[in-house]
Amino acid sequence: MQLVFETLLEQLSLSVDEVDFHNALASAAGAFDIPAFAYLSLVSDRVTKPRLISNYHSGWTSHYLRHQYERIDPVIEWARCSEYPFQWGPDFGHAGISTRQQQLFDEAAEFGICCGLTIPLVDRRGGVAAMTFAADRLDPTFLRVAEKYEQALEIMAMCFHIGVRRKLSCGLAVDGVSLTPREYECLEWTAKGKSAWEIGCILGIKERTAAFHLDNAKKKLGVRTKNQAVTLLASSRSSIL
């Protein structure tokens, strides 16, 4: 268990885009023999597109977002008003769901999403987020894992949410200037005293690629030196976190 968490935290700290976060969560979920997961983050303005990081079938995730199912999904509705993890299945909210909501469940089942454990995530920025670990049937093994490791999965989901909110939100900005995830990551490592060569080793990229991202960051920020860029990062970090 400790190794799973240590590996997850390390991978999250190095993640700079949705692919990295997806791979980190897939590895952690796999350690619990959990076949499927979905992280969904919504903002309160109902205009900004939802963020969905998942290993569900791509046909289902695109269908879900295209039809704006997040607005009627009974699981998300429950997550909005619940503080605690909850399990759901084919009969979840059966008596009180609409025809369209039942259609959502039926379509999800066609893509192998039949039951799950959903963890509501507190977002003090006014949005709502939830992590779901799912299975394609009411498998006793999955249900036992969900019950036995519920607290561990909740902590894992919270760490994931914090990482995504910090690194992938529109707030990857320094002094009001938006940077790409890689530019921001390279600048963060520079702030920790790492050279372009060391950053390349840490991130698995070439030294000149790391230097390229740092140069882009400096140009965007209107500064000439790495120290000036780092100073701007330090002054902006509190608003990002």
Protein backbone atom coordinates (compact mmCIF):
# COMPACT_ATOMS: atom_id res chain seq x y z
CA MET A 1 0.00 0.00 0.00
CA GLN A 2 2.75 2.45 0.93
CA LEU A 3 4.59 1.77 -2.32
CA VAL A 4 1.41 2.44 -4.31
CA PHE A 5 0.96 5.83 -2.66
CA GLU A 6 4.61 6.78 -2.95
CA THR A 7 4.59 5.90 -6.65
CA LEU A 8 1.36 7.81 -7.25
CA LEU A 9 2.59 10.94 -5.48
CA GLU A 10 5.85 10.86 -7.40
CA GLN A 11 4.04 10.44 -10.72
CA LEU A 12 1.60 13.24 -9.88
CA SER A 13 4.46 15.57 -9.00
CA LEU A 14 6.00 14.96 -12.44
CA SER A 15 2.72 15.14 -14.39
CA VAL A 16 2.28 18.11 -16.70
CA ASP A 17 -0.67 17.14 -18.91
CA GLU A 18 -3.78 14.95 -18.95
CA VAL A 19 -1.89 11.98 -20.40
CA ASP A 20 0.55 12.03 -17.49
CA PHE A 21 -2.27 12.23 -14.95
CA HIS A 22 -4.19 9.47 -16.71
CA ASN A 23 -1.17 7.17 -16.62
CA ALA A 24 -0.49 7.91 -12.95
CA LEU A 25 -4.06 7.06 -11.96
CA ALA A 26 -4.19 3.99 -14.21
CA SER A 27 -1.12 2.61 -12.48
CA ALA A 28 -2.53 3.23 -9.00
CA ALA A 29 -5.97 1.81 -9.84
CA GLY A 30 -4.34 -1.23 -11.39
CA ALA A 31 -2.56 -1.93 -8.11
CA PHE A 32 -6.02 -2.38 -6.55
CA ASP A 33 -7.23 -4.48 -9.50
CA ILE A 34 -9.75 -1.76 -10.34
CA PRO A 35 -10.53 -1.94 -14.07
CA ALA A 36 -11.97 1.49 -14.77
CA PHE A 37 -11.87 5.03 -13.43
CA ALA A 38 -13.15 8.48 -14.30
CA TYR A 39 -12.30 11.87 -12.84
CA LEU A 40 -14.81 14.58 -13.71
CA SER A 41 -14.42 18.23 -12.78
CA LEU A 42 -17.10 20.85 -13.44
CA VAL A 43 -17.13 24.58 -12.90
CA SER A 44 -20.14 26.50 -11.73
CA ASP A 45 -20.49 28.76 -14.78
CA ARG A 46 -21.90 25.89 -16.92
CA VAL A 47 -19.98 27.37 -19.86
CA THR A 48 -16.47 26.05 -19.32
CA LYS A 49 -16.14 22.54 -20.70
CA PRO A 50 -15.94 19.73 -18.12
CA ARG A 51 -12.57 18.10 -17.54
CA LEU A 52 -12.78 14.33 -17.85
CA ILE A 53 -9.75 12.11 -17.30
CA SER A 54 -10.73 8.49 -17.67
CA ASN A 55 -9.89 5.08 -19.09
CA TYR A 56 -13.52 4.46 -20.05
CA HIS A 57 -14.13 3.56 -23.68
CA SER A 58 -13.53 6.71 -25.74
CA GLY A 59 -16.84 6.15 -27.51
CA TRP A 60 -18.65 6.53 -24.22
CA THR A 61 -16.73 9.54 -22.91
CA SER A 62 -17.21 11.49 -26.13
CA HIS A 63 -20.90 10.51 -26.20
CA TYR A 64 -21.29 11.54 -22.54
CA LEU A 65 -19.75 14.97 -23.07
CA ARG A 66 -21.44 15.57 -26.42
CA HIS A 67 -24.86 15.03 -24.86
CA GLN A 68 -23.90 17.01 -21.73
CA TYR A 69 -24.83 14.06 -19.55
CA GLU A 70 -22.95 15.60 -16.65
CA ARG A 71 -25.99 17.87 -16.23
CA ILE A 72 -28.41 14.98 -15.62
CA ASP A 73 -26.18 12.15 -14.37
CA PRO A 74 -27.74 10.88 -11.09
CA VAL A 75 -24.28 9.91 -9.81
CA ILE A 76 -22.98 13.45 -10.32
CA GLU A 77 -26.16 14.88 -8.83
CA TRP A 78 -25.59 12.79 -5.72
CA ALA A 79 -21.91 13.79 -5.60
CA ARG A 80 -22.93 17.45 -5.60
CA CYS A 81 -24.78 17.08 -2.30
CA SER A 82 -22.81 14.32 -0.60
CA GLU A 83 -19.62 14.60 1.41
CA TYR A 84 -18.93 10.89 1.56
CA PRO A 85 -18.03 8.14 -0.93
CA PHE A 86 -20.97 6.06 -2.12
CA GLN A 87 -21.51 2.95 -4.17
CA TRP A 88 -23.98 2.75 -7.03
CA GLY A 89 -25.29 0.15 -9.43
CA PRO A 90 -28.13 -0.68 -11.84
CA ASP A 91 -30.81 0.22 -9.28
CA PHE A 92 -29.20 3.46 -8.09
CA GLY A 93 -31.96 6.02 -7.54
CA HIS A 94 -34.24 3.81 -9.61
CA ALA A 95 -37.53 5.07 -8.20
CA GLY A 96 -36.79 8.73 -8.77
CA ILE A 97 -34.87 8.94 -12.02
CA SER A 98 -36.21 10.26 -15.30
CA THR A 99 -36.49 8.41 -18.59
CA ARG A 100 -33.43 10.23 -19.90
CA GLN A 101 -31.43 9.37 -16.81
CA GLN A 102 -32.38 5.71 -17.18
CA GLN A 103 -31.26 5.94 -20.79
CA LEU A 104 -27.91 7.25 -19.55
CA PHE A 105 -27.46 4.22 -17.27
CA ASP A 106 -28.49 1.83 -20.05
CA GLU A 107 -26.06 3.37 -22.51
CA ALA A 108 -23.25 3.33 -19.94
CA ALA A 109 -23.87 -0.38 -19.35
CA GLU A 110 -23.45 -1.02 -23.07
CA PHE A 111 -19.92 0.35 -22.70
CA GLY A 112 -19.17 -1.82 -19.65
CA ILE A 113 -19.92 0.72 -16.89
CA CYS A 114 -22.44 -0.93 -14.58
CA CYS A 115 -21.47 -0.13 -11.01
CA GLY A 116 -18.95 1.88 -9.10
CA LEU A 117 -17.65 3.72 -6.09
CA THR A 118 -17.87 7.50 -6.46
CA ILE A 119 -15.91 9.90 -4.27
CA PRO A 120 -17.16 13.51 -4.11
CA LEU A 121 -14.28 15.99 -4.02
CA VAL A 122 -14.52 19.35 -2.32
CA ASP A 123 -13.66 22.22 -4.64
CA ARG A 124 -13.61 25.52 -2.79
CA ARG A 125 -13.53 27.38 -6.11
CA GLY A 126 -17.25 26.86 -6.58
CA GLY A 127 -17.17 23.83 -8.85
CA VAL A 128 -17.80 20.17 -8.28
CA ALA A 129 -15.53 17.22 -8.87
CA ALA A 130 -15.85 13.49 -8.41
CA MET A 131 -13.72 10.41 -8.84
CA THR A 132 -15.41 7.16 -9.84
CA PHE A 133 -13.90 3.69 -9.79
CA ALA A 134 -16.10 1.39 -11.85
CA ALA A 135 -16.64 -2.18 -13.03
CA ASP A 136 -18.57 -3.81 -15.85
CA ARG A 137 -20.75 -5.91 -13.54
CA LEU A 138 -21.69 -6.37 -9.90
CA ASP A 139 -18.51 -8.31 -9.29
CA PRO A 140 -18.12 -9.42 -5.65
CA THR A 141 -14.35 -8.95 -5.90
CA PHE A 142 -14.69 -5.35 -7.04
CA LEU A 143 -17.29 -4.61 -4.36
CA ARG A 144 -15.02 -6.05 -1.66
CA VAL A 145 -12.08 -3.96 -2.87
CA ALA A 146 -14.25 -0.82 -2.99
CA GLU A 147 -15.41 -1.41 0.57
CA LYS A 148 -12.10 -2.53 2.05
CA TYR A 149 -9.99 0.23 0.50
CA GLU A 150 -12.56 3.02 0.42
CA GLN A 151 -10.52 5.32 2.65
CA ALA A 152 -7.32 4.69 0.68
CA LEU A 153 -9.12 5.35 -2.61
CA GLU A 154 -10.57 8.54 -1.17
CA ILE A 155 -7.11 9.83 -0.25
CA MET A 156 -5.82 8.84 -3.66
CA ALA A 157 -8.68 10.73 -5.34
CA MET A 158 -8.02 13.84 -3.25
CA CYS A 159 -4.32 13.85 -4.16
CA PHE A 160 -5.22 13.45 -7.81
CA HIS A 161 -7.74 16.30 -7.67
CA ILE A 162 -5.29 18.65 -5.99
CA GLY A 163 -2.64 17.82 -8.59
CA VAL A 164 -4.99 18.38 -11.52
CA ARG A 165 -6.37 21.61 -10.08
CA ARG A 166 -2.91 22.96 -9.49
CA LYS A 167 -1.27 21.98 -12.76
CA LEU A 168 -4.02 21.75 -15.35
CA SER A 169 -6.39 24.56 -14.42
CA CYS A 170 -6.41 27.71 -16.49
CA GLY A 171 -4.35 29.03 -13.64
CA LEU A 172 -0.98 27.95 -15.05
CA ALA A 173 -0.14 31.60 -15.13
CA VAL A 174 2.76 33.61 -13.80
CA ASP A 175 2.26 37.31 -13.20
CA GLY A 176 -0.97 37.07 -15.21
CA VAL A 177 0.75 35.41 -18.20
CA SER A 178 -0.40 31.93 -19.25
CA LEU A 179 2.31 29.32 -19.71
CA THR A 180 2.11 25.85 -21.19
CA PRO A 181 2.27 22.98 -18.70
CA ARG A 182 5.80 22.14 -19.83
CA GLU A 183 7.00 25.74 -19.61
CA TYR A 184 5.57 25.98 -16.12
CA GLU A 185 7.10 22.66 -15.09
CA CYS A 186 10.55 23.66 -16.32
CA LEU A 187 10.27 26.97 -14.51
CA GLU A 188 9.27 25.19 -11.30
CA TRP A 189 12.33 22.97 -11.46
CA THR A 190 14.50 25.99 -12.21
CA ALA A 191 13.14 27.56 -9.03
CA LYS A 192 14.39 24.48 -7.19
CA GLY A 193 17.90 25.11 -8.47
CA LYS A 194 17.95 22.59 -11.31
CA SER A 195 19.88 23.22 -14.51
CA ALA A 196 18.44 22.63 -17.97
CA TRP A 197 20.40 19.36 -18.14
CA GLU A 198 19.02 18.21 -14.78
CA ILE A 199 15.48 19.22 -15.76
CA GLY A 200 15.85 17.20 -18.94
CA CYS A 201 16.85 14.13 -16.93
CA ILE A 202 13.94 14.57 -14.50
CA LEU A 203 11.30 15.09 -17.18
CA GLY A 204 12.71 12.65 -19.70
CA ILE A 205 13.41 15.29 -22.34
CA LYS A 206 16.57 16.61 -23.96
CA GLU A 207 18.56 19.43 -22.37
CA ARG A 208 17.97 21.70 -25.35
CA THR A 209 14.22 21.00 -25.13
CA ALA A 210 14.18 22.05 -21.48
CA ALA A 211 16.16 25.17 -22.39
CA PHE A 212 13.71 25.88 -25.22
CA HIS A 213 10.73 25.81 -22.82
CA LEU A 214 12.55 28.04 -20.35
CA ASP A 215 13.39 30.54 -23.08
CA ASN A 216 9.75 30.60 -24.17
CA ALA A 217 8.67 31.21 -20.58
CA LYS A 218 11.09 34.12 -20.23
CA LYS A 219 9.92 35.68 -23.50
CA LYS A 220 6.27 35.43 -22.47
CA LEU A 221 7.06 36.97 -19.08
CA GLY A 222 9.12 39.76 -20.64
CA VAL A 223 12.27 39.01 -18.65
CA ARG A 224 15.86 38.29 -19.64
CA THR A 225 17.10 35.97 -16.93
CA LYS A 226 15.96 32.78 -15.25
CA ASN A 227 16.24 34.46 -11.84
CA GLN A 228 13.79 37.16 -12.92
CA ALA A 229 11.35 34.48 -14.15
CA VAL A 230 11.71 32.56 -10.90
CA THR A 231 10.99 35.73 -8.91
CA LEU A 232 7.77 36.24 -10.84
CA LEU A 233 6.85 32.59 -10.27
CA ALA A 234 7.35 32.95 -6.53
CA SER A 235 5.15 36.04 -6.35
CA SER A 236 2.38 34.36 -8.35
CA ARG A 237 2.43 30.91 -6.76
CA SER A 238 0.14 31.76 -3.87
CA SER A 239 -2.67 32.69 -6.26
CA ILE A 240 -2.21 29.46 -8.20
CA LEU A 241 -2.33 27.22 -5.16
